[in-house]
Amino acid sequence: MEIDESEFYNQLLDYHNILYLCHRNADPDALGSAFALKEAIGGTIGIIGGCDRVASQIAKQLDIKFVTDPVDNYDLVVVIDTSTLTQLDGFPLKKYAVIDHHTTTSLNENAVFFLHRNKRSTAEIVLEVLNTMGAPIMRRVAFALIAGIITDTGNFKHASADSFKAVAELIELSGIEYSEVMDAISSVPQDVSMRIAFLKAAQRALIERVGEWIVVTSQVSSFSGSAASNLISIGADVAFVASKDDGMVKVSARARKCAINAGVNLARLMEEISVKFNGTGGGHEGAAGMDVYGEAEVILACCTEYTRKSLLNKHSQVLN
């Protein structure tokens, strides 16, 4: 059942023992959104496998308590900022709700209720829920939500007008300096293993030119999402990076805005290709992922072929 912000809040009031569940390797958007809802309504934050580097820094600085790999003994599980079941690593969802902003999601269908908005971050949706509640925006909550918006918009490179409005509102309500949040985010250093992953992704890159577009695929053992973003930063228009995990192939995809405008939709691409390889996928137009089964080389080749068709079809439509 799809509901609005006001009804989302009213529905949560019917439950006394709520788990706000974040996807594996939770980012600041997931953590900040869960923290804001927990502070306003009560409950417990649960994270599958732990946080990423930046979210870990935010949790430490704001003293955010959470349970890692929780068990399902709650009245209601609110799944936050998560588009596919595989991001929860087999957590047994029974009675659950969803609040999410991704372009595609496979979790809404069986949810008791869900709130979905085409926002750049889940934090922006949560802010609207808090405003509907009339909940005070405390300093720690504002800090966490601002961090979520900044990181999920790529330091505002993918922001909408609503993203800027939300941050401005949070700063005005809390008195937080924007520089405070940026200092916390930028102070997290890249560890050696991540830098090695970036170098290996570049070293192993397969480059294909499609007209004026550059499509790159590569493989690493970890940090596939960050490695894909790094390939974009050094020249790729679309990048797919695969990593293997116990027989499963995890593919992270990133695209420049110009490639999206030219017809690439990574959310749809990941969703459609994942079906062919017995997995699940989704995300945003410019940043998405999938967990599938098969040979990484074959899967990446399929991603490249799909991207080629998308770019050429769009080009053909423009010419006609």
C-alpha atoms as a PDB file:
ATOM      1  CA  MET A   1       0.000   0.000   0.000  1.00  0.00           C
ATOM      2  CA  GLU A   2       1.505   3.293  -1.101  1.00  0.00           C
ATOM      3  CA  ILE A   3       1.014   6.144   1.356  1.00  0.00           C
ATOM      4  CA  ASP A   4       2.069   9.773   1.798  1.00  0.00           C
ATOM      5  CA  GLU A   5       4.306  11.361   4.427  1.00  0.00           C
ATOM      6  CA  SER A   6       1.516  12.047   6.910  1.00  0.00           C
ATOM      7  CA  GLU A   7       0.112   8.535   6.714  1.00  0.00           C
ATOM      8  CA  PHE A   8       3.607   7.053   6.948  1.00  0.00           C
ATOM      9  CA  TYR A   9       4.044   8.721  10.318  1.00  0.00           C
ATOM     10  CA  ASN A  10       0.563   7.692  11.475  1.00  0.00           C
ATOM     11  CA  GLN A  11       1.189   4.088  10.464  1.00  0.00           C
ATOM     12  CA  LEU A  12       4.426   3.945  12.450  1.00  0.00           C
ATOM     13  CA  LEU A  13       2.587   5.083  15.574  1.00  0.00           C
ATOM     14  CA  ASP A  14       0.681   1.778  15.541  1.00  0.00           C
ATOM     15  CA  TYR A  15       3.882  -0.120  16.365  1.00  0.00           C
ATOM     16  CA  HIS A  16       5.929  -0.124  19.567  1.00  0.00           C
ATOM     17  CA  ASN A  17       9.008  -2.146  18.620  1.00  0.00           C
ATOM     18  CA  ILE A  18      10.363  -0.868  15.292  1.00  0.00           C
ATOM     19  CA  LEU A  19      13.601  -1.778  13.530  1.00  0.00           C
ATOM     20  CA  TYR A  20      14.914   0.766  11.020  1.00  0.00           C
ATOM     21  CA  LEU A  21      16.912  -1.506   8.724  1.00  0.00           C
ATOM     22  CA  CYS A  22      19.703  -0.195   6.494  1.00  0.00           C
ATOM     23  CA  HIS A  23      21.287  -2.031   3.569  1.00  0.00           C
ATOM     24  CA  ARG A  24      24.693  -3.654   3.798  1.00  0.00           C
ATOM     25  CA  ASN A  25      27.646  -1.278   3.862  1.00  0.00           C
ATOM     26  CA  ALA A  26      25.215   1.466   4.857  1.00  0.00           C
ATOM     27  CA  ASP A  27      26.002   4.931   3.533  1.00  0.00           C
ATOM     28  CA  PRO A  28      25.304   8.275   5.263  1.00  0.00           C
ATOM     29  CA  ASP A  29      21.916   8.608   3.532  1.00  0.00           C
ATOM     30  CA  ALA A  30      20.672   5.303   4.936  1.00  0.00           C
ATOM     31  CA  LEU A  31      22.207   5.840   8.383  1.00  0.00           C
ATOM     32  CA  GLY A  32      21.075   9.468   8.667  1.00  0.00           C
ATOM     33  CA  SER A  33      17.528   8.647   7.572  1.00  0.00           C
ATOM     34  CA  ALA A  34      17.268   5.772  10.039  1.00  0.00           C
ATOM     35  CA  PHE A  35      18.694   7.912  12.844  1.00  0.00           C
ATOM     36  CA  ALA A  36      16.251  10.763  12.177  1.00  0.00           C
ATOM     37  CA  LEU A  37      13.225   8.431  12.249  1.00  0.00           C
ATOM     38  CA  LYS A  38      14.484   6.650  15.352  1.00  0.00           C
ATOM     39  CA  GLU A  39      15.009   9.930  17.213  1.00  0.00           C
ATOM     40  CA  ALA A  40      11.530  11.188  16.268  1.00  0.00           C
ATOM     41  CA  ILE A  41       9.495   8.023  16.779  1.00  0.00           C
ATOM     42  CA  GLY A  42      11.643   5.586  18.740  1.00  0.00           C
ATOM     43  CA  GLY A  43      12.967   2.174  17.843  1.00  0.00           C
ATOM     44  CA  THR A  44      16.258   0.533  16.914  1.00  0.00           C
ATOM     45  CA  ILE A  45      18.652   1.074  14.007  1.00  0.00           C
ATOM     46  CA  GLY A  46      19.856  -2.115  12.354  1.00  0.00           C
ATOM     47  CA  ILE A  47      22.571  -2.335   9.709  1.00  0.00           C
ATOM     48  CA  ILE A  48      23.475  -5.319   7.587  1.00  0.00           C
ATOM     49  CA  GLY A  49      27.208  -5.955   7.857  1.00  0.00           C
ATOM     50  CA  GLY A  50      28.103  -2.462   9.084  1.00  0.00           C
ATOM     51  CA  CYS A  51      28.586   1.022   7.616  1.00  0.00           C
ATOM     52  CA  ASP A  52      30.839   2.350   4.896  1.00  0.00           C
ATOM     53  CA  ARG A  53      33.806   4.556   5.816  1.00  0.00           C
ATOM     54  CA  VAL A  54      31.992   7.885   5.791  1.00  0.00           C
ATOM     55  CA  ALA A  55      28.893   6.610   7.595  1.00  0.00           C
ATOM     56  CA  SER A  56      31.145   5.025  10.225  1.00  0.00           C
ATOM     57  CA  GLN A  57      32.757   8.420  10.789  1.00  0.00           C
ATOM     58  CA  ILE A  58      29.336  10.078  11.071  1.00  0.00           C
ATOM     59  CA  ALA A  59      28.120   7.422  13.516  1.00  0.00           C
ATOM     60  CA  LYS A  60      31.198   7.916  15.674  1.00  0.00           C
ATOM     61  CA  GLN A  61      31.028  11.702  15.635  1.00  0.00           C
ATOM     62  CA  LEU A  62      27.281  11.823  16.428  1.00  0.00           C
ATOM     63  CA  ASP A  63      27.341   8.818  18.773  1.00  0.00           C
ATOM     64  CA  ILE A  64      24.704   6.962  16.731  1.00  0.00           C
ATOM     65  CA  LYS A  65      24.004   3.535  18.189  1.00  0.00           C
ATOM     66  CA  PHE A  66      22.998   0.675  15.944  1.00  0.00           C
ATOM     67  CA  VAL A  67      22.775  -3.097  15.879  1.00  0.00           C
ATOM     68  CA  THR A  68      24.809  -4.961  13.286  1.00  0.00           C
ATOM     69  CA  ASP A  69      23.063  -7.908  11.586  1.00  0.00           C
ATOM     70  CA  PRO A  70      19.924  -7.795  13.783  1.00  0.00           C
ATOM     71  CA  VAL A  71      17.499 -10.701  14.161  1.00  0.00           C
ATOM     72  CA  ASP A  72      13.859 -10.442  13.140  1.00  0.00           C
ATOM     73  CA  ASN A  73      12.115 -10.056  16.492  1.00  0.00           C
ATOM     74  CA  TYR A  74      10.459  -6.674  15.924  1.00  0.00           C
ATOM     75  CA  ASP A  75       6.822  -5.681  15.450  1.00  0.00           C
ATOM     76  CA  LEU A  76       7.726  -3.879  12.228  1.00  0.00           C
ATOM     77  CA  VAL A  77      10.845  -3.565  10.096  1.00  0.00           C
ATOM     78  CA  VAL A  78      11.186  -0.287   8.194  1.00  0.00           C
ATOM     79  CA  VAL A  79      13.539  -0.905   5.273  1.00  0.00           C
ATOM     80  CA  ILE A  80      15.397   2.304   4.500  1.00  0.00           C
ATOM     81  CA  ASP A  81      17.125   3.442   1.301  1.00  0.00           C
ATOM     82  CA  THR A  82      17.150  -0.099  -0.105  1.00  0.00           C
ATOM     83  CA  SER A  83      16.002  -1.144  -3.575  1.00  0.00           C
ATOM     84  CA  THR A  84      16.599  -4.919  -3.654  1.00  0.00           C
ATOM     85  CA  LEU A  85      16.312  -7.810  -1.221  1.00  0.00           C
ATOM     86  CA  THR A  86      19.868  -8.932  -1.922  1.00  0.00           C
ATOM     87  CA  GLN A  87      21.143  -5.733  -0.282  1.00  0.00           C
ATOM     88  CA  LEU A  88      19.834  -7.185   2.992  1.00  0.00           C
ATOM     89  CA  ASP A  89      21.889 -10.404   2.692  1.00  0.00           C
ATOM     90  CA  GLY A  90      19.028 -12.775   3.377  1.00  0.00           C
ATOM     91  CA  PHE A  91      17.399 -10.895   6.260  1.00  0.00           C
ATOM     92  CA  PRO A  92      13.983 -12.603   6.681  1.00  0.00           C
ATOM     93  CA  LEU A  93      11.545  -9.813   5.907  1.00  0.00           C
ATOM     94  CA  LYS A  94       8.076 -10.594   7.232  1.00  0.00           C
ATOM     95  CA  LYS A  95       6.056  -7.583   8.342  1.00  0.00           C
ATOM     96  CA  TYR A  96       7.827  -4.606   6.862  1.00  0.00           C
ATOM     97  CA  ALA A  97       7.492  -1.116   5.411  1.00  0.00           C
ATOM     98  CA  VAL A  98       9.715   0.736   2.935  1.00  0.00           C
ATOM     99  CA  ILE A  99      10.896   4.327   2.623  1.00  0.00           C
ATOM    100  CA  ASP A 100      13.075   4.820  -0.437  1.00  0.00           C
ATOM    101  CA  HIS A 101      14.040   7.117  -3.310  1.00  0.00           C
ATOM    102  CA  HIS A 102      15.605   4.779  -5.887  1.00  0.00           C
ATOM    103  CA  THR A 103      14.276   4.765  -9.432  1.00  0.00           C
ATOM    104  CA  THR A 104      13.448   1.068  -9.228  1.00  0.00           C
ATOM    105  CA  THR A 105      12.721  -1.168  -6.259  1.00  0.00           C
ATOM    106  CA  SER A 106      11.483  -4.716  -5.881  1.00  0.00           C
ATOM    107  CA  LEU A 107      10.572  -4.431  -2.195  1.00  0.00           C
ATOM    108  CA  ASN A 108       7.382  -2.361  -2.368  1.00  0.00           C
ATOM    109  CA  GLU A 109       5.164  -5.131  -3.676  1.00  0.00           C
ATOM    110  CA  ASN A 110       5.082  -7.178  -0.459  1.00  0.00           C
ATOM    111  CA  ALA A 111       5.397  -4.304   2.008  1.00  0.00           C
ATOM    112  CA  VAL A 112       2.614  -3.557   4.477  1.00  0.00           C
ATOM    113  CA  PHE A 113       2.993   0.059   3.360  1.00  0.00           C
ATOM    114  CA  PHE A 114       5.630   2.099   1.572  1.00  0.00           C
ATOM    115  CA  LEU A 115       6.618   5.707   0.911  1.00  0.00           C
ATOM    116  CA  HIS A 116       8.456   6.349  -2.342  1.00  0.00           C
ATOM    117  CA  ARG A 117       9.450   9.675  -3.804  1.00  0.00           C
ATOM    118  CA  ASN A 118      11.632  10.593  -6.782  1.00  0.00           C
ATOM    119  CA  LYS A 119      14.120  12.475  -4.650  1.00  0.00           C
ATOM    120  CA  ARG A 120      17.894  12.553  -4.848  1.00  0.00           C
ATOM    121  CA  SER A 121      18.164  11.077  -1.348  1.00  0.00           C
ATOM    122  CA  THR A 122      16.043   9.289   1.214  1.00  0.00           C
ATOM    123  CA  ALA A 123      17.058  11.963   3.719  1.00  0.00           C
ATOM    124  CA  GLU A 124      14.963  14.498   1.789  1.00  0.00           C
ATOM    125  CA  ILE A 125      11.894  12.263   2.141  1.00  0.00           C
ATOM    126  CA  VAL A 126      12.544  11.764   5.855  1.00  0.00           C
ATOM    127  CA  LEU A 127      12.774  15.527   6.351  1.00  0.00           C
ATOM    128  CA  GLU A 128       9.292  15.872   4.849  1.00  0.00           C
ATOM    129  CA  VAL A 129       8.022  13.160   7.219  1.00  0.00           C
ATOM    130  CA  LEU A 130       9.487  15.052  10.187  1.00  0.00           C
ATOM    131  CA  ASN A 131       7.915  18.299   8.992  1.00  0.00           C
ATOM    132  CA  THR A 132       4.547  16.573   8.663  1.00  0.00           C
ATOM    133  CA  MET A 133       4.927  15.308  12.233  1.00  0.00           C
ATOM    134  CA  GLY A 134       5.881  18.739  13.489  1.00  0.00           C
ATOM    135  CA  ALA A 135       8.954  17.106  15.017  1.00  0.00           C
ATOM    136  CA  PRO A 136      11.753  19.406  16.170  1.00  0.00           C
ATOM    137  CA  ILE A 137      14.922  19.083  14.090  1.00  0.00           C
ATOM    138  CA  MET A 138      17.698  18.636  16.618  1.00  0.00           C
ATOM    139  CA  ARG A 139      21.320  19.361  15.794  1.00  0.00           C
ATOM    140  CA  ARG A 140      22.506  15.730  15.535  1.00  0.00           C
ATOM    141  CA  VAL A 141      19.563  14.797  13.320  1.00  0.00           C
ATOM    142  CA  ALA A 142      20.138  17.781  11.042  1.00  0.00           C
ATOM    143  CA  PHE A 143      23.843  16.943  10.779  1.00  0.00           C
ATOM    144  CA  ALA A 144      23.071  13.325   9.825  1.00  0.00           C
ATOM    145  CA  LEU A 145      20.466  14.302   7.220  1.00  0.00           C
ATOM    146  CA  ILE A 146      22.712  16.944   5.645  1.00  0.00           C
ATOM    147  CA  ALA A 147      25.525  14.389   5.394  1.00  0.00           C
ATOM    148  CA  GLY A 148      23.130  11.974   3.707  1.00  0.00           C
ATOM    149  CA  ILE A 149      22.029  14.527   1.138  1.00  0.00           C
ATOM    150  CA  ILE A 150      25.553  15.707   0.347  1.00  0.00           C
ATOM    151  CA  THR A 151      26.961  12.222  -0.175  1.00  0.00           C
ATOM    152  CA  ASP A 152      24.000  10.814  -2.115  1.00  0.00           C
ATOM    153  CA  THR A 153      24.047  13.759  -4.516  1.00  0.00           C
ATOM    154  CA  GLY A 154      27.801  13.446  -5.063  1.00  0.00           C
ATOM    155  CA  ASN A 155      28.538  16.753  -3.345  1.00  0.00           C
ATOM    156  CA  PHE A 156      25.503  18.237  -5.159  1.00  0.00           C
ATOM    157  CA  LYS A 157      26.644  17.198  -8.641  1.00  0.00           C
ATOM    158  CA  HIS A 158      23.375  15.255  -8.987  1.00  0.00           C
ATOM    159  CA  ALA A 159      21.278  17.475  -6.737  1.00  0.00           C
ATOM    160  CA  SER A 160      17.833  18.837  -7.530  1.00  0.00           C
ATOM    161  CA  ALA A 161      16.327  22.100  -6.369  1.00  0.00           C
ATOM    162  CA  ASP A 162      14.666  20.143  -3.540  1.00  0.00           C
ATOM    163  CA  SER A 163      18.084  18.907  -2.388  1.00  0.00           C
ATOM    164  CA  PHE A 164      19.374  22.449  -1.973  1.00  0.00           C
ATOM    165  CA  LYS A 165      16.147  23.539  -0.287  1.00  0.00           C
ATOM    166  CA  ALA A 166      16.326  20.652   2.187  1.00  0.00           C
ATOM    167  CA  VAL A 167      19.912  21.443   3.184  1.00  0.00           C
ATOM    168  CA  ALA A 168      19.135  25.150   3.504  1.00  0.00           C
ATOM    169  CA  GLU A 169      16.155  24.346   5.723  1.00  0.00           C
ATOM    170  CA  LEU A 170      18.207  22.013   7.920  1.00  0.00           C
ATOM    171  CA  ILE A 171      20.961  24.588   8.320  1.00  0.00           C
ATOM    172  CA  GLU A 172      18.454  27.303   9.208  1.00  0.00           C
ATOM    173  CA  LEU A 173      16.623  25.120  11.748  1.00  0.00           C
ATOM    174  CA  SER A 174      19.707  23.730  13.473  1.00  0.00           C
ATOM    175  CA  GLY A 175      22.323  26.445  13.179  1.00  0.00           C
ATOM    176  CA  ILE A 176      24.836  23.960  11.766  1.00  0.00           C
ATOM    177  CA  GLU A 177      27.546  25.360   9.547  1.00  0.00           C
ATOM    178  CA  TYR A 178      27.723  23.669   6.162  1.00  0.00           C
ATOM    179  CA  SER A 179      31.509  23.511   6.540  1.00  0.00           C
ATOM    180  CA  GLU A 180      31.126  21.386   9.693  1.00  0.00           C
ATOM    181  CA  VAL A 181      29.491  18.593   7.761  1.00  0.00           C
ATOM    182  CA  MET A 182      31.893  18.885   4.833  1.00  0.00           C
ATOM    183  CA  ASP A 183      34.853  18.690   7.214  1.00  0.00           C
ATOM    184  CA  ALA A 184      33.478  15.467   8.713  1.00  0.00           C
ATOM    185  CA  ILE A 185      32.920  13.921   5.293  1.00  0.00           C
ATOM    186  CA  SER A 186      36.203  14.991   3.711  1.00  0.00           C
ATOM    187  CA  SER A 187      38.315  14.034   6.731  1.00  0.00           C
ATOM    188  CA  VAL A 188      37.757  10.310   6.078  1.00  0.00           C
ATOM    189  CA  PRO A 189      40.880   9.093   4.268  1.00  0.00           C
ATOM    190  CA  GLN A 190      40.879   6.430   1.569  1.00  0.00           C
ATOM    191  CA  ASP A 191      42.593   3.347   2.947  1.00  0.00           C
ATOM    192  CA  VAL A 192      45.375   1.557   1.098  1.00  0.00           C
ATOM    193  CA  SER A 193      43.175  -1.338  -0.039  1.00  0.00           C
ATOM    194  CA  MET A 194      40.744   1.069  -1.688  1.00  0.00           C
ATOM    195  CA  ARG A 195      43.498   2.873  -3.550  1.00  0.00           C
ATOM    196  CA  ILE A 196      44.878  -0.468  -4.730  1.00  0.00           C
ATOM    197  CA  ALA A 197      41.391  -1.400  -5.976  1.00  0.00           C
ATOM    198  CA  PHE A 198      41.259   1.851  -7.979  1.00  0.00           C
ATOM    199  CA  LEU A 199      44.623   1.132  -9.575  1.00  0.00           C
ATOM    200  CA  LYS A 200      43.712  -2.478 -10.388  1.00  0.00           C
ATOM    201  CA  ALA A 201      40.381  -1.398 -11.893  1.00  0.00           C
ATOM    202  CA  ALA A 202      42.232   0.984 -14.182  1.00  0.00           C
ATOM    203  CA  GLN A 203      44.911  -1.592 -14.999  1.00  0.00           C
ATOM    204  CA  ARG A 204      42.323  -4.258 -15.917  1.00  0.00           C
ATOM    205  CA  ALA A 205      39.972  -1.933 -17.754  1.00  0.00           C
ATOM    206  CA  LEU A 206      38.465  -2.987 -21.063  1.00  0.00           C
ATOM    207  CA  ILE A 207      37.643   0.107 -23.085  1.00  0.00           C
ATOM    208  CA  GLU A 208      35.078   0.284 -25.862  1.00  0.00           C
ATOM    209  CA  ARG A 209      34.289   3.353 -27.875  1.00  0.00           C
ATOM    210  CA  VAL A 210      30.678   3.808 -28.981  1.00  0.00           C
ATOM    211  CA  GLY A 211      30.634   6.845 -31.246  1.00  0.00           C
ATOM    212  CA  GLU A 212      31.882   9.646 -29.008  1.00  0.00           C
ATOM    213  CA  TRP A 213      31.172   7.667 -25.838  1.00  0.00           C
ATOM    214  CA  ILE A 214      33.638   5.616 -23.792  1.00  0.00           C
ATOM    215  CA  VAL A 215      32.284   2.513 -22.043  1.00  0.00           C
ATOM    216  CA  VAL A 216      34.630   0.800 -19.582  1.00  0.00           C
ATOM    217  CA  THR A 217      34.385  -2.533 -17.764  1.00  0.00           C
ATOM    218  CA  SER A 218      36.719  -3.944 -15.136  1.00  0.00           C
ATOM    219  CA  GLN A 219      36.988  -6.367 -12.225  1.00  0.00           C
ATOM    220  CA  VAL A 220      38.241  -5.958  -8.660  1.00  0.00           C
ATOM    221  CA  SER A 221      37.969  -7.995  -5.479  1.00  0.00           C
ATOM    222  CA  SER A 222      36.347  -5.188  -3.452  1.00  0.00           C
ATOM    223  CA  PHE A 223      35.253  -1.523  -3.547  1.00  0.00           C
ATOM    224  CA  SER A 224      33.552  -2.016  -6.922  1.00  0.00           C
ATOM    225  CA  GLY A 225      31.259   1.003  -6.496  1.00  0.00           C
ATOM    226  CA  SER A 226      34.068   3.386  -5.627  1.00  0.00           C
ATOM    227  CA  ALA A 227      36.220   1.890  -8.386  1.00  0.00           C
ATOM    228  CA  ALA A 228      33.453   2.510 -10.942  1.00  0.00           C
ATOM    229  CA  SER A 229      33.156   6.131  -9.787  1.00  0.00           C
ATOM    230  CA  ASN A 230      36.923   6.499 -10.088  1.00  0.00           C
ATOM    231  CA  LEU A 231      36.849   5.215 -13.678  1.00  0.00           C
ATOM    232  CA  ILE A 232      34.267   7.907 -14.452  1.00  0.00           C
ATOM    233  CA  SER A 233      36.509  10.549 -12.889  1.00  0.00           C
ATOM    234  CA  ILE A 234      39.450   9.587 -15.117  1.00  0.00           C
ATOM    235  CA  GLY A 235      37.564   9.587 -18.415  1.00  0.00           C
ATOM    236  CA  ALA A 236      34.869   6.919 -18.796  1.00  0.00           C
ATOM    237  CA  ASP A 237      31.347   7.969 -19.727  1.00  0.00           C
ATOM    238  CA  VAL A 238      29.857   4.699 -18.462  1.00  0.00           C
ATOM    239  CA  ALA A 239      31.671   2.255 -16.166  1.00  0.00           C
ATOM    240  CA  PHE A 240      30.828  -1.253 -14.943  1.00  0.00           C
ATOM    241  CA  VAL A 241      32.980  -2.915 -12.291  1.00  0.00           C
ATOM    242  CA  ALA A 242      32.410  -6.487 -11.124  1.00  0.00           C
ATOM    243  CA  SER A 243      33.537  -8.302  -8.015  1.00  0.00           C
ATOM    244  CA  LYS A 244      32.938 -11.913  -6.956  1.00  0.00           C
ATOM    245  CA  ASP A 245      31.528 -12.964  -3.604  1.00  0.00           C
ATOM    246  CA  ASP A 246      30.896 -16.663  -2.844  1.00  0.00           C
ATOM    247  CA  GLY A 247      29.732 -17.530  -6.344  1.00  0.00           C
ATOM    248  CA  MET A 248      27.796 -14.307  -6.787  1.00  0.00           C
ATOM    249  CA  VAL A 249      28.897 -11.521  -9.099  1.00  0.00           C
ATOM    250  CA  LYS A 250      28.278  -7.998  -7.853  1.00  0.00           C
ATOM    251  CA  VAL A 251      28.304  -5.317 -10.527  1.00  0.00           C
ATOM    252  CA  SER A 252      28.449  -1.597  -9.772  1.00  0.00           C
ATOM    253  CA  ALA A 253      27.628   0.840 -12.556  1.00  0.00           C
ATOM    254  CA  ARG A 254      28.177   4.572 -12.899  1.00  0.00           C
ATOM    255  CA  ALA A 255      27.456   7.035 -15.722  1.00  0.00           C
ATOM    256  CA  ARG A 256      28.082  10.684 -16.484  1.00  0.00           C
ATOM    257  CA  LYS A 257      25.098  12.995 -16.790  1.00  0.00           C
ATOM    258  CA  CYS A 258      25.813  13.452 -20.489  1.00  0.00           C
ATOM    259  CA  ALA A 259      25.552   9.676 -21.009  1.00  0.00           C
ATOM    260  CA  ILE A 260      22.229   9.625 -19.167  1.00  0.00           C
ATOM    261  CA  ASN A 261      20.971  12.419 -21.409  1.00  0.00           C
ATOM    262  CA  ALA A 262      22.119  10.334 -24.378  1.00  0.00           C
ATOM    263  CA  GLY A 263      19.874   7.423 -23.395  1.00  0.00           C
ATOM    264  CA  VAL A 264      21.656   5.430 -20.671  1.00  0.00           C
ATOM    265  CA  ASN A 265      19.481   4.409 -17.714  1.00  0.00           C
ATOM    266  CA  LEU A 266      21.541   2.256 -15.361  1.00  0.00           C
ATOM    267  CA  ALA A 267      18.609   1.467 -13.063  1.00  0.00           C
ATOM    268  CA  ARG A 268      16.642  -0.093 -15.905  1.00  0.00           C
ATOM    269  CA  LEU A 269      19.770  -1.718 -17.333  1.00  0.00           C
ATOM    270  CA  MET A 270      20.669  -3.398 -14.018  1.00  0.00           C
ATOM    271  CA  GLU A 271      17.107  -4.525 -13.446  1.00  0.00           C
ATOM    272  CA  GLU A 272      16.706  -6.072 -16.901  1.00  0.00           C
ATOM    273  CA  ILE A 273      20.116  -7.720 -17.107  1.00  0.00           C
ATOM    274  CA  SER A 274      19.863  -9.133 -13.584  1.00  0.00           C
ATOM    275  CA  VAL A 275      16.806 -11.149 -14.613  1.00  0.00           C
ATOM    276  CA  LYS A 276      18.863 -12.848 -17.335  1.00  0.00           C
ATOM    277  CA  PHE A 277      21.456 -13.920 -14.779  1.00  0.00           C
ATOM    278  CA  ASN A 278      19.113 -15.049 -11.969  1.00  0.00           C
ATOM    279  CA  GLY A 279      19.652 -12.078  -9.704  1.00  0.00           C
ATOM    280  CA  THR A 280      18.303  -8.675  -8.751  1.00  0.00           C
ATOM    281  CA  GLY A 281      19.352  -5.168  -9.622  1.00  0.00           C
ATOM    282  CA  GLY A 282      18.300  -1.539  -9.581  1.00  0.00           C
ATOM    283  CA  GLY A 283      19.241   1.913  -8.397  1.00  0.00           C
ATOM    284  CA  HIS A 284      19.373   5.277 -10.131  1.00  0.00           C
ATOM    285  CA  GLU A 285      19.798   6.359 -13.737  1.00  0.00           C
ATOM    286  CA  GLY A 286      23.427   7.268 -13.136  1.00  0.00           C
ATOM    287  CA  ALA A 287      24.385   4.895 -10.305  1.00  0.00           C
ATOM    288  CA  ALA A 288      23.094   1.360  -9.932  1.00  0.00           C
ATOM    289  CA  GLY A 289      24.101  -2.184  -9.107  1.00  0.00           C
ATOM    290  CA  MET A 290      23.110  -5.812  -9.348  1.00  0.00           C
ATOM    291  CA  ASP A 291      23.857  -9.147  -7.690  1.00  0.00           C
ATOM    292  CA  VAL A 292      23.793 -11.979 -10.231  1.00  0.00           C
ATOM    293  CA  TYR A 293      25.182 -15.421 -11.028  1.00  0.00           C
ATOM    294  CA  GLY A 294      27.427 -16.431 -13.924  1.00  0.00           C
ATOM    295  CA  GLU A 295      30.754 -15.563 -15.490  1.00  0.00           C
ATOM    296  CA  ALA A 296      31.822 -12.005 -14.752  1.00  0.00           C
ATOM    297  CA  GLU A 297      33.235 -11.532 -18.255  1.00  0.00           C
ATOM    298  CA  VAL A 298      29.950 -12.575 -19.868  1.00  0.00           C
ATOM    299  CA  ILE A 299      27.907 -10.358 -17.555  1.00  0.00           C
ATOM    300  CA  LEU A 300      30.103  -7.322 -18.179  1.00  0.00           C
ATOM    301  CA  ALA A 301      29.967  -7.917 -21.928  1.00  0.00           C
ATOM    302  CA  CYS A 302      26.177  -7.932 -21.687  1.00  0.00           C
ATOM    303  CA  CYS A 303      26.302  -4.611 -19.830  1.00  0.00           C
ATOM    304  CA  THR A 304      28.458  -3.109 -22.564  1.00  0.00           C
ATOM    305  CA  GLU A 305      26.185  -4.405 -25.313  1.00  0.00           C
ATOM    306  CA  TYR A 306      23.082  -3.064 -23.583  1.00  0.00           C
ATOM    307  CA  THR A 307      24.763   0.333 -23.175  1.00  0.00           C
ATOM    308  CA  ARG A 308      25.805   0.374 -26.821  1.00  0.00           C
ATOM    309  CA  LYS A 309      22.232  -0.243 -27.928  1.00  0.00           C
ATOM    310  CA  SER A 310      20.901   2.448 -25.607  1.00  0.00           C
ATOM    311  CA  LEU A 311      23.318   5.041 -26.943  1.00  0.00           C
ATOM    312  CA  LEU A 312      22.855   4.111 -30.578  1.00  0.00           C
ATOM    313  CA  ASN A 313      19.057   3.949 -30.314  1.00  0.00           C
ATOM    314  CA  LYS A 314      18.953   7.433 -28.795  1.00  0.00           C
ATOM    315  CA  HIS A 315      21.321   8.724 -31.460  1.00  0.00           C
ATOM    316  CA  SER A 316      19.144   7.200 -34.180  1.00  0.00           C
ATOM    317  CA  GLN A 317      16.007   8.814 -32.712  1.00  0.00           C
ATOM    318  CA  VAL A 318      17.691  12.218 -32.703  1.00  0.00           C
ATOM    319  CA  LEU A 319      18.689  11.853 -36.346  1.00  0.00           C
ATOM    320  CA  ASN A 320      15.157  10.850 -37.336  1.00  0.00           C
END
